[in-house]
Amino acid sequence: MRALLNKIHKCTICSSYLPHGCNPIVQLSATSKILIIGQAPGRKAHESGIPWNDKSGDTLRKWLNVDKDIFYDSNYFSLMPMGFCYPGKGVSGDLPPRKECAPLWHPTILQQLKDLSLILLIGQYAQQYYLPGQGRKGLTETVKQYETYFPQYFPLPHPSPRNQHWLTINPWFMNKTIPVLQEKISGLISGNM
């Protein structure tokens, strides 16, 4: 895994498309039980080099019911976005993740995650890539039907503050889905699943 991480951190395949330069941000360990596949690092993560180091990360940790020590413990969590570098700002939020990373790196990474029990698919980009044909349902229906994708995947909306409206109009997510998610995460962390 160390050799793979070194290769990832030296990757410059998208450099001509990244206004803030290359800074691939991942957290990987062959012993991780849970893999979180998100979109791409945001500006704060790009600057700090720490994945999910922003308000979205705070919300995600609340959803998972874990603190930063557990979240950043790679024995429990590997963190792998669809695009490994900050893509820059768009008209209404960050630009989409670069499309080069997932086909280039994901298969090799997944082969090395030997203890993996659950993959959280955060947002539409991860869901469309890993649940081909399901994305046409739309994010809301995919997340609502999360049990369909067990035991391998658990689709979630992006925890961005920009999605507050989605959370407001879909109260079932916090009332029904999050308790199931927290139970699964707790079981994997405690070794009961």
C-alpha atoms as a PDB file:
ATOM      1  CA  MET A   1       0.000   0.000   0.000  1.00  0.00           C
ATOM      2  CA  ARG A   2       2.871   2.404   0.746  1.00  0.00           C
ATOM      3  CA  ALA A   3       4.208   2.089  -2.810  1.00  0.00           C
ATOM      4  CA  LEU A   4       0.738   2.711  -4.219  1.00  0.00           C
ATOM      5  CA  LEU A   5       0.279   5.794  -2.032  1.00  0.00           C
ATOM      6  CA  ASN A   6       3.632   7.149  -3.230  1.00  0.00           C
ATOM      7  CA  LYS A   7       2.528   6.736  -6.851  1.00  0.00           C
ATOM      8  CA  ILE A   8      -0.807   8.445  -6.150  1.00  0.00           C
ATOM      9  CA  HIS A   9       0.832  11.389  -4.402  1.00  0.00           C
ATOM     10  CA  LYS A  10       3.156  11.896  -7.402  1.00  0.00           C
ATOM     11  CA  CYS A  11       0.307  11.747  -9.943  1.00  0.00           C
ATOM     12  CA  THR A  12       0.070  14.742 -12.294  1.00  0.00           C
ATOM     13  CA  ILE A  13      -2.215  13.298 -14.992  1.00  0.00           C
ATOM     14  CA  CYS A  14      -4.748  16.144 -14.596  1.00  0.00           C
ATOM     15  CA  SER A  15      -2.288  18.962 -13.927  1.00  0.00           C
ATOM     16  CA  SER A  16      -3.270  21.000 -16.985  1.00  0.00           C
ATOM     17  CA  TYR A  17      -6.918  21.050 -15.768  1.00  0.00           C
ATOM     18  CA  LEU A  18      -6.295  21.954 -12.124  1.00  0.00           C
ATOM     19  CA  PRO A  19      -6.095  25.711 -11.482  1.00  0.00           C
ATOM     20  CA  HIS A  20      -4.655  25.153  -7.985  1.00  0.00           C
ATOM     21  CA  GLY A  21      -2.224  22.404  -8.952  1.00  0.00           C
ATOM     22  CA  CYS A  22      -2.016  18.711  -8.113  1.00  0.00           C
ATOM     23  CA  ASN A  23      -2.412  17.588  -4.526  1.00  0.00           C
ATOM     24  CA  PRO A  24      -3.948  14.093  -4.498  1.00  0.00           C
ATOM     25  CA  ILE A  25      -5.711  13.562  -1.169  1.00  0.00           C
ATOM     26  CA  VAL A  26      -6.549  10.050  -0.007  1.00  0.00           C
ATOM     27  CA  GLN A  27      -6.417   8.037   3.215  1.00  0.00           C
ATOM     28  CA  LEU A  28      -5.818   4.346   2.562  1.00  0.00           C
ATOM     29  CA  SER A  29      -4.962   1.234   4.525  1.00  0.00           C
ATOM     30  CA  ALA A  30      -5.236  -2.428   3.552  1.00  0.00           C
ATOM     31  CA  THR A  31      -6.835  -3.044   6.969  1.00  0.00           C
ATOM     32  CA  SER A  32      -9.704  -0.527   6.602  1.00  0.00           C
ATOM     33  CA  LYS A  33     -13.179  -1.926   7.195  1.00  0.00           C
ATOM     34  CA  ILE A  34     -15.073   0.986   5.627  1.00  0.00           C
ATOM     35  CA  LEU A  35     -14.329   2.872   2.422  1.00  0.00           C
ATOM     36  CA  ILE A  36     -15.816   6.302   1.826  1.00  0.00           C
ATOM     37  CA  ILE A  37     -15.927   7.312  -1.825  1.00  0.00           C
ATOM     38  CA  GLY A  38     -16.708  11.004  -2.120  1.00  0.00           C
ATOM     39  CA  GLN A  39     -16.528  13.567  -4.924  1.00  0.00           C
ATOM     40  CA  ALA A  40     -13.245  15.484  -4.753  1.00  0.00           C
ATOM     41  CA  PRO A  41     -11.367  17.420  -2.077  1.00  0.00           C
ATOM     42  CA  GLY A  42     -12.618  20.921  -1.421  1.00  0.00           C
ATOM     43  CA  ARG A  43     -10.454  24.019  -1.098  1.00  0.00           C
ATOM     44  CA  LYS A  44      -9.854  23.539   2.653  1.00  0.00           C
ATOM     45  CA  ALA A  45      -8.832  19.911   2.180  1.00  0.00           C
ATOM     46  CA  HIS A  46      -6.559  20.963  -0.692  1.00  0.00           C
ATOM     47  CA  GLU A  47      -4.852  23.526   1.530  1.00  0.00           C
ATOM     48  CA  SER A  48      -4.486  21.272   4.585  1.00  0.00           C
ATOM     49  CA  GLY A  49      -3.929  17.946   2.807  1.00  0.00           C
ATOM     50  CA  ILE A  50      -6.566  16.367   5.071  1.00  0.00           C
ATOM     51  CA  PRO A  51      -9.645  14.780   3.456  1.00  0.00           C
ATOM     52  CA  TRP A  52     -13.087  15.908   4.646  1.00  0.00           C
ATOM     53  CA  ASN A  53     -11.457  18.752   6.584  1.00  0.00           C
ATOM     54  CA  ASP A  54     -14.412  21.141   6.337  1.00  0.00           C
ATOM     55  CA  LYS A  55     -18.087  21.560   7.274  1.00  0.00           C
ATOM     56  CA  SER A  56     -19.061  18.702   4.959  1.00  0.00           C
ATOM     57  CA  GLY A  57     -16.705  16.460   6.909  1.00  0.00           C
ATOM     58  CA  ASP A  58     -18.193  17.636  10.208  1.00  0.00           C
ATOM     59  CA  THR A  59     -21.666  16.713   8.962  1.00  0.00           C
ATOM     60  CA  LEU A  60     -20.499  13.371   7.600  1.00  0.00           C
ATOM     61  CA  ARG A  61     -18.927  12.465  10.947  1.00  0.00           C
ATOM     62  CA  LYS A  62     -22.216  13.347  12.685  1.00  0.00           C
ATOM     63  CA  TRP A  63     -24.091  11.108  10.273  1.00  0.00           C
ATOM     64  CA  LEU A  64     -21.647   8.274  11.014  1.00  0.00           C
ATOM     65  CA  ASN A  65     -21.637   9.051  14.757  1.00  0.00           C
ATOM     66  CA  VAL A  66     -17.826   8.998  14.908  1.00  0.00           C
ATOM     67  CA  ASP A  67     -15.296  11.534  16.123  1.00  0.00           C
ATOM     68  CA  LYS A  68     -12.226  12.711  14.205  1.00  0.00           C
ATOM     69  CA  ASP A  69      -9.939  10.194  15.925  1.00  0.00           C
ATOM     70  CA  ILE A  70     -11.993   7.251  14.637  1.00  0.00           C
ATOM     71  CA  PHE A  71     -12.690   8.868  11.249  1.00  0.00           C
ATOM     72  CA  TYR A  72      -9.015   9.478  10.557  1.00  0.00           C
ATOM     73  CA  ASP A  73      -7.953   6.054  11.847  1.00  0.00           C
ATOM     74  CA  SER A  74      -7.234   4.132   8.650  1.00  0.00           C
ATOM     75  CA  ASN A  75      -7.778   0.822  10.463  1.00  0.00           C
ATOM     76  CA  TYR A  76     -11.463   1.789  10.274  1.00  0.00           C
ATOM     77  CA  PHE A  77     -11.822   4.183   7.345  1.00  0.00           C
ATOM     78  CA  SER A  78     -10.168   4.572   3.968  1.00  0.00           C
ATOM     79  CA  LEU A  79     -11.111   7.811   2.191  1.00  0.00           C
ATOM     80  CA  MET A  80     -10.996   7.831  -1.598  1.00  0.00           C
ATOM     81  CA  PRO A  81     -12.690  10.468  -3.753  1.00  0.00           C
ATOM     82  CA  MET A  82     -13.761  10.136  -7.366  1.00  0.00           C
ATOM     83  CA  GLY A  83     -11.273  12.876  -8.222  1.00  0.00           C
ATOM     84  CA  PHE A  84      -8.190  12.992  -5.988  1.00  0.00           C
ATOM     85  CA  CYS A  85      -7.395  16.706  -6.403  1.00  0.00           C
ATOM     86  CA  TYR A  86      -9.363  19.899  -5.816  1.00  0.00           C
ATOM     87  CA  PRO A  87     -10.946  20.700  -9.205  1.00  0.00           C
ATOM     88  CA  GLY A  88     -11.447  24.414  -8.538  1.00  0.00           C
ATOM     89  CA  LYS A  89     -14.493  26.627  -8.161  1.00  0.00           C
ATOM     90  CA  GLY A  90     -17.421  26.546 -10.548  1.00  0.00           C
ATOM     91  CA  VAL A  91     -20.440  28.794 -10.980  1.00  0.00           C
ATOM     92  CA  SER A  92     -22.395  27.201  -8.114  1.00  0.00           C
ATOM     93  CA  GLY A  93     -19.875  25.381  -5.947  1.00  0.00           C
ATOM     94  CA  ASP A  94     -16.825  23.313  -6.786  1.00  0.00           C
ATOM     95  CA  LEU A  95     -16.317  21.912 -10.271  1.00  0.00           C
ATOM     96  CA  PRO A  96     -17.088  18.203 -10.792  1.00  0.00           C
ATOM     97  CA  PRO A  97     -14.324  15.719  -9.926  1.00  0.00           C
ATOM     98  CA  ARG A  98     -11.865  14.999 -12.703  1.00  0.00           C
ATOM     99  CA  LYS A  99     -12.785  11.811 -14.584  1.00  0.00           C
ATOM    100  CA  GLU A 100      -9.258  10.446 -14.876  1.00  0.00           C
ATOM    101  CA  CYS A 101      -8.741   9.309 -11.269  1.00  0.00           C
ATOM    102  CA  ALA A 102     -11.420   6.657 -10.762  1.00  0.00           C
ATOM    103  CA  PRO A 103     -10.548   4.423 -13.740  1.00  0.00           C
ATOM    104  CA  LEU A 104      -6.820   4.980 -13.196  1.00  0.00           C
ATOM    105  CA  TRP A 105      -6.582   4.346  -9.433  1.00  0.00           C
ATOM    106  CA  HIS A 106      -9.763   2.841  -7.972  1.00  0.00           C
ATOM    107  CA  PRO A 107      -9.380  -0.761  -9.250  1.00  0.00           C
ATOM    108  CA  THR A 108      -5.830  -1.057  -7.869  1.00  0.00           C
ATOM    109  CA  ILE A 109      -6.836   0.484  -4.546  1.00  0.00           C
ATOM    110  CA  LEU A 110      -9.858  -1.785  -4.167  1.00  0.00           C
ATOM    111  CA  GLN A 111      -7.678  -4.860  -4.757  1.00  0.00           C
ATOM    112  CA  GLN A 112      -5.530  -3.877  -1.780  1.00  0.00           C
ATOM    113  CA  LEU A 113      -8.398  -3.276   0.669  1.00  0.00           C
ATOM    114  CA  LYS A 114      -8.546  -6.871   1.909  1.00  0.00           C
ATOM    115  CA  ASP A 115     -10.674  -6.294   5.063  1.00  0.00           C
ATOM    116  CA  LEU A 116     -13.276  -4.060   3.426  1.00  0.00           C
ATOM    117  CA  SER A 117     -16.854  -4.667   4.638  1.00  0.00           C
ATOM    118  CA  LEU A 118     -18.754  -1.575   3.461  1.00  0.00           C
ATOM    119  CA  ILE A 119     -18.413   1.152   0.830  1.00  0.00           C
ATOM    120  CA  LEU A 120     -20.210   4.459   1.381  1.00  0.00           C
ATOM    121  CA  LEU A 121     -21.019   6.154  -1.929  1.00  0.00           C
ATOM    122  CA  ILE A 122     -21.257   9.872  -1.219  1.00  0.00           C
ATOM    123  CA  GLY A 123     -23.117  11.877  -3.864  1.00  0.00           C
ATOM    124  CA  GLN A 124     -24.190  11.340  -7.430  1.00  0.00           C
ATOM    125  CA  TYR A 125     -20.735  10.964  -9.013  1.00  0.00           C
ATOM    126  CA  ALA A 126     -19.790   7.966  -6.875  1.00  0.00           C
ATOM    127  CA  GLN A 127     -23.260   6.467  -7.219  1.00  0.00           C
ATOM    128  CA  GLN A 128     -23.357   6.788 -11.002  1.00  0.00           C
ATOM    129  CA  TYR A 129     -19.902   5.220 -11.284  1.00  0.00           C
ATOM    130  CA  TYR A 130     -20.428   2.322  -8.880  1.00  0.00           C
ATOM    131  CA  LEU A 131     -24.123   1.696  -9.445  1.00  0.00           C
ATOM    132  CA  PRO A 132     -24.319   1.838 -13.249  1.00  0.00           C
ATOM    133  CA  GLY A 133     -27.858   2.002 -14.497  1.00  0.00           C
ATOM    134  CA  GLN A 134     -29.114   2.978 -11.050  1.00  0.00           C
ATOM    135  CA  GLY A 135     -28.107   6.626 -11.388  1.00  0.00           C
ATOM    136  CA  ARG A 136     -31.009   7.337 -13.694  1.00  0.00           C
ATOM    137  CA  LYS A 137     -33.271   6.959 -10.667  1.00  0.00           C
ATOM    138  CA  GLY A 138     -31.698  10.097  -9.303  1.00  0.00           C
ATOM    139  CA  LEU A 139     -29.901  10.603  -6.029  1.00  0.00           C
ATOM    140  CA  THR A 140     -33.039  10.797  -3.882  1.00  0.00           C
ATOM    141  CA  GLU A 141     -34.443   7.469  -5.060  1.00  0.00           C
ATOM    142  CA  THR A 142     -31.034   5.787  -4.909  1.00  0.00           C
ATOM    143  CA  VAL A 143     -30.512   6.925  -1.315  1.00  0.00           C
ATOM    144  CA  LYS A 144     -34.100   6.058  -0.372  1.00  0.00           C
ATOM    145  CA  GLN A 145     -33.536   2.510  -1.652  1.00  0.00           C
ATOM    146  CA  TYR A 146     -30.190   2.096   0.139  1.00  0.00           C
ATOM    147  CA  GLU A 147     -31.051  -1.457   1.289  1.00  0.00           C
ATOM    148  CA  THR A 148     -31.064  -2.564  -2.357  1.00  0.00           C
ATOM    149  CA  TYR A 149     -27.296  -2.104  -2.484  1.00  0.00           C
ATOM    150  CA  PHE A 150     -26.392  -4.008   0.710  1.00  0.00           C
ATOM    151  CA  PRO A 151     -24.163  -5.550   1.807  1.00  0.00           C
ATOM    152  CA  GLN A 152     -21.494  -3.915  -0.367  1.00  0.00           C
ATOM    153  CA  TYR A 153     -22.699  -0.319  -0.785  1.00  0.00           C
ATOM    154  CA  PHE A 154     -24.538   2.332   1.207  1.00  0.00           C
ATOM    155  CA  PRO A 155     -25.439   5.385  -0.971  1.00  0.00           C
ATOM    156  CA  LEU A 156     -25.672   8.779   0.733  1.00  0.00           C
ATOM    157  CA  PRO A 157     -26.227  12.376  -0.363  1.00  0.00           C
ATOM    158  CA  HIS A 158     -23.301  14.735  -0.128  1.00  0.00           C
ATOM    159  CA  PRO A 159     -23.144  16.276   3.372  1.00  0.00           C
ATOM    160  CA  SER A 160     -22.410  19.743   1.984  1.00  0.00           C
ATOM    161  CA  PRO A 161     -24.094  22.742   3.636  1.00  0.00           C
ATOM    162  CA  ARG A 162     -25.463  23.416   0.126  1.00  0.00           C
ATOM    163  CA  ASN A 163     -27.659  20.322   0.538  1.00  0.00           C
ATOM    164  CA  GLN A 164     -29.558  21.678   3.530  1.00  0.00           C
ATOM    165  CA  HIS A 165     -32.662  22.131   1.375  1.00  0.00           C
ATOM    166  CA  TRP A 166     -32.503  18.458   0.295  1.00  0.00           C
ATOM    167  CA  LEU A 167     -32.323  17.389   3.948  1.00  0.00           C
ATOM    168  CA  THR A 168     -35.289  19.617   4.812  1.00  0.00           C
ATOM    169  CA  ILE A 169     -37.543  18.199   2.104  1.00  0.00           C
ATOM    170  CA  ASN A 170     -36.440  14.603   2.763  1.00  0.00           C
ATOM    171  CA  PRO A 171     -36.860  14.194   6.550  1.00  0.00           C
ATOM    172  CA  TRP A 172     -36.949  10.401   6.163  1.00  0.00           C
ATOM    173  CA  PHE A 173     -33.189  10.492   5.582  1.00  0.00           C
ATOM    174  CA  MET A 174     -32.312  11.732   9.079  1.00  0.00           C
ATOM    175  CA  ASN A 175     -35.191   9.853  10.745  1.00  0.00           C
ATOM    176  CA  LYS A 176     -34.849   6.435   9.090  1.00  0.00           C
ATOM    177  CA  THR A 177     -31.652   6.113   7.062  1.00  0.00           C
ATOM    178  CA  ILE A 178     -29.130   7.675   9.437  1.00  0.00           C
ATOM    179  CA  PRO A 179     -30.002   5.363  12.381  1.00  0.00           C
ATOM    180  CA  VAL A 180     -29.405   2.328  10.117  1.00  0.00           C
ATOM    181  CA  LEU A 181     -26.131   3.821   8.895  1.00  0.00           C
ATOM    182  CA  GLN A 182     -24.963   4.523  12.447  1.00  0.00           C
ATOM    183  CA  GLU A 183     -25.809   0.988  13.547  1.00  0.00           C
ATOM    184  CA  LYS A 184     -23.808  -0.494  10.649  1.00  0.00           C
ATOM    185  CA  ILE A 185     -20.823   1.769  11.277  1.00  0.00           C
ATOM    186  CA  SER A 186     -20.874   1.082  15.013  1.00  0.00           C
ATOM    187  CA  GLY A 187     -21.007  -2.667  14.392  1.00  0.00           C
ATOM    188  CA  LEU A 188     -18.046  -2.566  12.014  1.00  0.00           C
ATOM    189  CA  ILE A 189     -15.963  -0.415  14.342  1.00  0.00           C
ATOM    190  CA  SER A 190     -16.693  -2.593  17.359  1.00  0.00           C
ATOM    191  CA  GLY A 191     -16.105  -5.770  15.338  1.00  0.00           C
ATOM    192  CA  ASN A 192     -19.648  -7.076  15.732  1.00  0.00           C
ATOM    193  CA  MET A 193     -20.417  -7.278  11.995  1.00  0.00           C
END
